[in-house]
Amino acid sequence: MVDNAANRALRTMDLIPYILENPGVSIIKLAKQFSVTEKQIESDLQLVFMCGLPGYTPYELIDLIFEDGVVSIIDPQVLDKPRRFTKSELVVIALGLQLLGELSASDSARLSKIKLLSNKITQLGGSNSIIFAPSSSKSPFVEVISKAITNKKSLTMQYQSLVKDEVSIRTVFPHNLYFMNGNLYLSAMDLAAKADRVFKVELIKTCEVGDDISSEVVNDSNSTLEVVLDVQKTYKNFIERNSSIITAVEEQKNCFRVHLKLSNLEWLKRSILSNSPGIKVISPSLLAKEVATLATSLLASYQAVKPI
């Protein structure tokens, strides 16, 4: 992040209340707390010496002491309280706490702390406090999946595939749960395909925790390939569904340049063809040739069928 004047001003507004709460705090700890260098903290403290209320005599300026690497505030003027969150920040924090609460249903102690903090956050807006509509799409398997992730165990589940319109039994090694555009997804390694997959949690029909997964199986899936695709903007759902294997997205004039890392190309070939002509392979060139060959073969098969 560029350390411009606005960032320094905001950091200073947070710095003074923090020092008041932690009198005698060291410059080393302040630098670590605010993710800047010790030199930058010293520069910020020197700036504070020249800040205060109108009049700007020694009586209206902020008074602090920092020597021998230790900092204390004597007179903070009006900066003795932390700055308020913006409405957008409050919404983001409240949503994050709600999601953490859903993922911590099995840990009553943690859930109690999250609810307590969430109640405080949602009331900070006063009359504009945050109100959540009841969710009708919460999966009953979140707790089971979270348990498997924590204990590094496999999951066996019945999954409704939207692409093939069929229910299949999958055994997976779960990596993590994440939200994207209001939907909950599971990133996991499909043990049969030996490749990473993304599953929409609401499409899971049944789910149960399985056995421990050996480190050898997990390590075998770590050999990844790097792929670059151009995805037309009308096909951005491809990016949403596969965000767990996407390392970078660059917006261009008519498309998104998408960088992926994955361990199996067979699935990707089918996905590219099913989204044709919205996805173009940029690299590796061998993948582009294989997709073109497969597309030519499929077109030839359709042309060979005589109309009735």
Protein backbone atom coordinates (compact mmCIF):
# COMPACT_ATOMS: atom_id res chain seq x y z
CA MET A 1 0.00 0.00 0.00
CA VAL A 2 1.30 3.47 -0.91
CA ASP A 3 2.00 5.45 2.27
CA ASN A 4 0.50 8.78 1.20
CA ALA A 5 -0.65 11.70 3.36
CA ALA A 6 -4.17 10.28 3.76
CA ASN A 7 -2.87 6.92 4.99
CA ARG A 8 -0.51 8.64 7.45
CA ALA A 9 -3.37 10.78 8.80
CA LEU A 10 -5.62 7.73 9.33
CA ARG A 11 -2.78 5.80 10.96
CA THR A 12 -2.10 8.69 13.33
CA MET A 13 -5.77 8.82 14.35
CA ASP A 14 -5.51 5.13 15.28
CA LEU A 15 -2.03 5.43 16.76
CA ILE A 16 -2.88 7.90 19.55
CA PRO A 17 -5.80 5.92 21.09
CA TYR A 18 -3.69 2.74 20.90
CA ILE A 19 -0.82 4.36 22.82
CA LEU A 20 -3.29 5.65 25.44
CA GLU A 21 -4.55 2.09 25.93
CA ASN A 22 -0.98 0.78 26.07
CA PRO A 23 1.13 3.41 27.92
CA GLY A 24 4.85 2.80 27.67
CA VAL A 25 4.48 0.75 24.49
CA SER A 26 7.69 0.31 22.50
CA ILE A 27 8.29 1.68 19.01
CA ILE A 28 9.14 -1.87 17.91
CA LYS A 29 5.69 -3.11 18.98
CA LEU A 30 3.96 -0.12 17.37
CA ALA A 31 5.72 -0.81 14.08
CA LYS A 32 4.56 -4.43 14.17
CA GLN A 33 1.01 -3.49 15.20
CA PHE A 34 0.58 -0.98 12.35
CA SER A 35 2.58 -2.97 9.76
CA VAL A 36 5.14 -0.23 9.08
CA THR A 37 8.82 0.29 9.83
CA GLU A 38 10.18 1.69 13.09
CA LYS A 39 11.47 4.67 11.12
CA GLN A 40 7.94 5.36 9.85
CA ILE A 41 6.51 5.21 13.39
CA GLU A 42 9.13 7.71 14.57
CA SER A 43 8.22 9.97 11.67
CA ASP A 44 4.51 9.69 12.57
CA LEU A 45 5.25 10.60 16.20
CA GLN A 46 7.23 13.64 15.10
CA LEU A 47 4.22 14.66 13.01
CA VAL A 48 1.93 14.30 16.05
CA PHE A 49 4.01 16.96 17.85
CA MET A 50 2.69 19.52 15.33
CA CYS A 51 -0.99 18.46 15.54
CA GLY A 52 -3.66 19.90 17.80
CA LEU A 53 -6.64 22.23 18.07
CA PRO A 54 -6.90 25.69 16.47
CA GLY A 55 -4.65 28.19 18.16
CA TYR A 56 -1.78 25.73 17.87
CA THR A 57 0.02 27.05 20.94
CA PRO A 58 1.80 24.53 23.20
CA TYR A 59 -1.47 24.34 25.19
CA GLU A 60 -3.52 23.09 22.20
CA LEU A 61 -0.99 20.70 20.69
CA ILE A 62 -0.93 16.96 21.36
CA ASP A 63 1.65 16.23 24.02
CA LEU A 64 3.57 12.97 24.00
CA ILE A 65 6.90 11.55 25.05
CA PHE A 66 8.98 9.03 23.14
CA GLU A 67 12.49 8.27 24.21
CA ASP A 68 14.62 5.17 24.66
CA GLY A 69 12.22 3.36 22.33
CA VAL A 70 9.18 3.87 24.62
CA VAL A 71 6.10 6.03 23.85
CA SER A 72 3.51 7.66 26.16
CA ILE A 73 0.74 10.22 25.49
CA ILE A 74 0.30 13.04 28.04
CA ASP A 75 -2.47 15.09 26.39
CA PRO A 76 -4.26 13.59 23.34
CA GLN A 77 -6.53 16.62 22.88
CA VAL A 78 -9.64 15.24 21.10
CA LEU A 79 -8.03 12.07 19.69
CA ASP A 80 -8.45 9.90 22.77
CA LYS A 81 -11.03 7.59 21.14
CA PRO A 82 -10.59 5.29 18.12
CA ARG A 83 -12.17 6.55 14.91
CA ARG A 84 -15.57 5.10 13.95
CA PHE A 85 -16.11 2.49 11.29
CA THR A 86 -17.79 3.63 8.08
CA LYS A 87 -21.15 2.06 7.17
CA SER A 88 -19.45 -0.06 4.52
CA GLU A 89 -16.85 -1.30 7.02
CA LEU A 90 -19.59 -2.18 9.51
CA VAL A 91 -21.47 -4.21 6.92
CA VAL A 92 -18.33 -6.12 5.89
CA ILE A 93 -17.42 -6.90 9.51
CA ALA A 94 -20.98 -7.95 10.38
CA LEU A 95 -21.20 -10.24 7.35
CA GLY A 96 -17.84 -11.78 8.19
CA LEU A 97 -18.96 -12.47 11.77
CA GLN A 98 -22.20 -14.02 10.54
CA LEU A 99 -20.28 -16.37 8.26
CA LEU A 100 -17.84 -17.26 11.05
CA GLY A 101 -20.81 -18.04 13.27
CA GLU A 102 -22.28 -20.41 10.68
CA LEU A 103 -18.94 -22.16 10.30
CA SER A 104 -18.45 -22.44 14.09
CA ALA A 105 -21.78 -24.07 14.96
CA SER A 106 -20.04 -27.07 16.56
CA ASP A 107 -17.88 -24.92 18.90
CA SER A 108 -20.27 -23.45 21.48
CA ALA A 109 -17.61 -21.34 23.24
CA ARG A 110 -16.38 -19.76 20.01
CA LEU A 111 -19.95 -19.29 18.74
CA SER A 112 -20.92 -17.46 21.94
CA LYS A 113 -18.01 -15.01 21.56
CA ILE A 114 -18.82 -14.43 17.89
CA LYS A 115 -22.49 -13.71 18.66
CA LEU A 116 -21.55 -11.30 21.44
CA LEU A 117 -19.21 -9.35 19.16
CA SER A 118 -21.70 -9.49 16.28
CA ASN A 119 -24.44 -7.97 18.45
CA LYS A 120 -22.13 -5.06 19.35
CA ILE A 121 -21.17 -4.47 15.72
CA THR A 122 -24.74 -4.56 14.38
CA GLN A 123 -25.83 -1.90 16.90
CA LEU A 124 -23.03 0.58 16.16
CA GLY A 125 -25.10 2.20 13.43
CA GLY A 126 -27.82 3.33 15.86
CA SER A 127 -31.04 3.76 13.89
CA ASN A 128 -29.24 2.44 10.83
CA SER A 129 -28.14 -0.77 12.57
CA ILE A 130 -27.59 -3.83 10.41
CA ILE A 131 -30.47 -6.31 10.18
CA PHE A 132 -30.00 -9.72 8.55
CA ALA A 133 -32.81 -11.40 6.68
CA PRO A 134 -33.23 -15.06 7.68
CA SER A 135 -31.35 -17.37 5.34
CA SER A 136 -33.39 -20.01 3.53
CA SER A 137 -30.44 -21.71 1.83
CA LYS A 138 -28.27 -22.72 4.80
CA SER A 139 -26.86 -26.19 4.23
CA PRO A 140 -27.28 -28.80 6.99
CA PHE A 141 -23.81 -30.15 6.14
CA VAL A 142 -21.66 -27.13 7.03
CA GLU A 143 -20.85 -28.51 10.46
CA VAL A 144 -19.94 -31.95 9.02
CA ILE A 145 -17.68 -30.39 6.37
CA SER A 146 -16.00 -28.10 8.92
CA LYS A 147 -15.31 -31.11 11.16
CA ALA A 148 -13.67 -32.99 8.28
CA ILE A 149 -11.50 -29.97 7.40
CA THR A 150 -10.39 -29.51 11.03
CA ASN A 151 -9.59 -33.20 11.55
CA LYS A 152 -8.04 -33.66 8.06
CA LYS A 153 -10.44 -36.45 7.13
CA SER A 154 -12.14 -37.38 3.88
CA LEU A 155 -15.77 -36.67 3.01
CA THR A 156 -18.13 -39.02 1.20
CA MET A 157 -21.08 -37.22 -0.34
CA GLN A 158 -23.88 -37.47 -2.85
CA TYR A 159 -23.59 -34.49 -5.19
CA GLN A 160 -26.08 -33.13 -7.73
CA SER A 161 -24.06 -32.12 -10.79
CA LEU A 162 -25.55 -29.21 -12.75
CA VAL A 163 -23.37 -29.96 -15.77
CA LYS A 164 -24.28 -33.66 -16.11
CA ASP A 165 -27.71 -33.40 -14.42
CA GLU A 166 -27.04 -36.46 -12.29
CA VAL A 167 -26.36 -37.39 -8.67
CA SER A 168 -22.96 -39.00 -8.11
CA ILE A 169 -21.09 -40.30 -5.08
CA ARG A 170 -17.85 -38.38 -4.47
CA THR A 171 -15.09 -39.04 -1.97
CA VAL A 172 -13.03 -35.90 -1.44
CA PHE A 173 -10.33 -34.41 0.73
CA PRO A 174 -11.77 -30.99 1.78
CA HIS A 175 -9.53 -27.91 1.71
CA ASN A 176 -11.79 -25.02 2.76
CA LEU A 177 -15.24 -23.44 2.63
CA TYR A 178 -15.73 -19.99 1.13
CA PHE A 179 -18.52 -17.63 0.08
CA MET A 180 -18.79 -16.07 -3.37
CA ASN A 181 -21.72 -13.89 -4.51
CA GLY A 182 -23.99 -15.23 -1.79
CA ASN A 183 -23.20 -18.90 -2.40
CA LEU A 184 -21.20 -21.26 -0.20
CA TYR A 185 -18.59 -23.40 -1.97
CA LEU A 186 -16.36 -26.29 -0.92
CA SER A 187 -12.86 -26.50 -2.37
CA ALA A 188 -11.65 -30.11 -2.23
CA MET A 189 -9.51 -32.74 -3.91
CA ASP A 190 -11.56 -35.41 -5.68
CA LEU A 191 -9.76 -38.61 -4.67
CA ALA A 192 -11.00 -40.58 -7.71
CA ALA A 193 -9.96 -37.92 -10.22
CA LYS A 194 -6.86 -36.97 -8.17
CA ALA A 195 -7.59 -33.33 -8.93
CA ASP A 196 -8.99 -30.28 -7.16
CA ARG A 197 -12.68 -29.55 -7.63
CA VAL A 198 -15.17 -26.91 -6.45
CA PHE A 199 -18.58 -28.00 -5.13
CA LYS A 200 -21.61 -25.83 -4.47
CA VAL A 201 -22.60 -26.78 -0.92
CA GLU A 202 -26.35 -26.45 -1.49
CA LEU A 203 -26.11 -29.17 -4.16
CA ILE A 204 -24.78 -31.72 -1.66
CA LYS A 205 -27.55 -34.27 -0.94
CA THR A 206 -25.83 -36.33 1.77
CA CYS A 207 -22.48 -35.95 3.49
CA GLU A 208 -20.51 -37.89 6.11
CA VAL A 209 -16.99 -37.81 7.51
CA GLY A 210 -14.72 -40.61 6.29
CA ASP A 211 -11.20 -41.82 7.02
CA ASP A 212 -7.89 -40.07 7.55
CA ILE A 213 -6.09 -39.13 4.35
CA SER A 214 -2.45 -40.11 4.04
CA SER A 215 0.09 -37.38 3.38
CA GLU A 216 1.21 -39.24 0.24
CA VAL A 217 -2.22 -38.86 -1.36
CA VAL A 218 -2.29 -35.15 -0.57
CA ASN A 219 1.27 -34.57 -1.80
CA ASP A 220 0.51 -36.37 -5.09
CA SER A 221 -2.17 -33.76 -5.82
CA ASN A 222 0.22 -30.86 -5.29
CA SER A 223 1.88 -31.09 -8.72
CA THR A 224 0.17 -28.19 -10.45
CA LEU A 225 0.04 -26.79 -13.96
CA GLU A 226 -0.23 -23.11 -14.80
CA VAL A 227 -2.87 -22.10 -17.36
CA VAL A 228 -3.83 -18.69 -18.77
CA LEU A 229 -7.28 -18.14 -20.29
CA ASP A 230 -9.17 -15.22 -21.80
CA VAL A 231 -12.73 -15.33 -20.46
CA GLN A 232 -15.36 -13.11 -22.07
CA LYS A 233 -17.16 -10.90 -19.55
CA THR A 234 -20.51 -12.56 -20.21
CA TYR A 235 -18.96 -15.85 -19.01
CA LYS A 236 -17.73 -14.53 -15.65
CA ASN A 237 -19.62 -17.32 -13.85
CA PHE A 238 -16.69 -19.55 -14.85
CA ILE A 239 -14.47 -17.34 -12.68
CA GLU A 240 -16.88 -17.51 -9.74
CA ARG A 241 -17.23 -21.29 -9.83
CA ASN A 242 -13.48 -21.89 -10.04
CA SER A 243 -12.11 -19.14 -7.81
CA SER A 244 -10.27 -21.64 -5.59
CA ILE A 245 -7.81 -22.51 -8.40
CA ILE A 246 -7.55 -18.99 -9.86
CA THR A 247 -4.41 -17.11 -8.85
CA ALA A 248 -5.00 -13.81 -10.69
CA VAL A 249 -7.63 -12.02 -12.78
CA GLU A 250 -6.77 -9.06 -15.02
CA GLU A 251 -9.63 -7.05 -16.53
CA GLN A 252 -9.07 -6.18 -20.19
CA LYS A 253 -11.18 -4.40 -22.77
CA ASN A 254 -13.49 -7.25 -23.78
CA CYS A 255 -12.52 -10.06 -21.43
CA PHE A 256 -10.79 -11.16 -18.24
CA ARG A 257 -7.26 -12.59 -18.44
CA VAL A 258 -7.47 -15.45 -15.91
CA HIS A 259 -4.48 -17.31 -14.41
CA LEU A 260 -5.12 -20.76 -12.95
CA LYS A 261 -3.16 -23.46 -11.16
CA LEU A 262 -4.60 -26.97 -11.29
CA SER A 263 -3.51 -30.58 -11.24
CA ASN A 264 -5.75 -32.07 -13.94
CA LEU A 265 -6.43 -30.71 -17.43
CA GLU A 266 -9.13 -33.19 -18.48
CA TRP A 267 -11.79 -31.41 -16.47
CA LEU A 268 -10.62 -28.02 -17.76
CA LYS A 269 -10.89 -29.16 -21.41
CA ARG A 270 -14.53 -30.13 -20.90
CA SER A 271 -15.25 -26.89 -19.06
CA ILE A 272 -13.71 -24.79 -21.86
CA LEU A 273 -15.77 -26.59 -24.49
CA SER A 274 -18.99 -26.29 -22.46
CA ASN A 275 -18.41 -22.51 -22.27
CA SER A 276 -17.51 -22.15 -25.96
CA PRO A 277 -16.96 -19.65 -27.51
CA GLY A 278 -16.56 -17.66 -24.31
CA ILE A 279 -13.15 -19.01 -23.27
CA LYS A 280 -9.88 -18.93 -25.21
CA VAL A 281 -6.69 -20.73 -24.17
CA ILE A 282 -3.66 -18.44 -24.12
CA SER A 283 -1.17 -20.88 -22.60
CA PRO A 284 0.10 -23.54 -22.59
CA SER A 285 -0.02 -23.96 -26.36
CA LEU A 286 -0.35 -27.74 -25.99
CA LEU A 287 -3.65 -27.30 -24.12
CA ALA A 288 -4.93 -24.98 -26.88
CA LYS A 289 -4.11 -27.62 -29.52
CA GLU A 290 -5.79 -30.39 -27.52
CA VAL A 291 -8.96 -28.33 -27.02
CA ALA A 292 -9.03 -27.49 -30.76
CA THR A 293 -8.59 -31.17 -31.66
CA LEU A 294 -11.35 -32.23 -29.28
CA ALA A 295 -13.70 -29.55 -30.63
CA THR A 296 -13.00 -30.63 -34.23
CA SER A 297 -13.73 -34.24 -33.31
CA LEU A 298 -17.02 -33.33 -31.65
CA LEU A 299 -18.12 -31.21 -34.61
CA ALA A 300 -17.27 -34.05 -37.00
CA SER A 301 -19.41 -36.42 -34.95
CA TYR A 302 -22.39 -34.07 -35.21
CA GLN A 303 -21.89 -33.63 -38.96
CA ALA A 304 -21.78 -37.41 -39.45
CA VAL A 305 -25.31 -37.75 -38.06
CA LYS A 306 -27.81 -37.52 -40.91
CA PRO A 307 -30.97 -35.51 -40.20
CA ILE A 308 -34.17 -37.52 -40.01
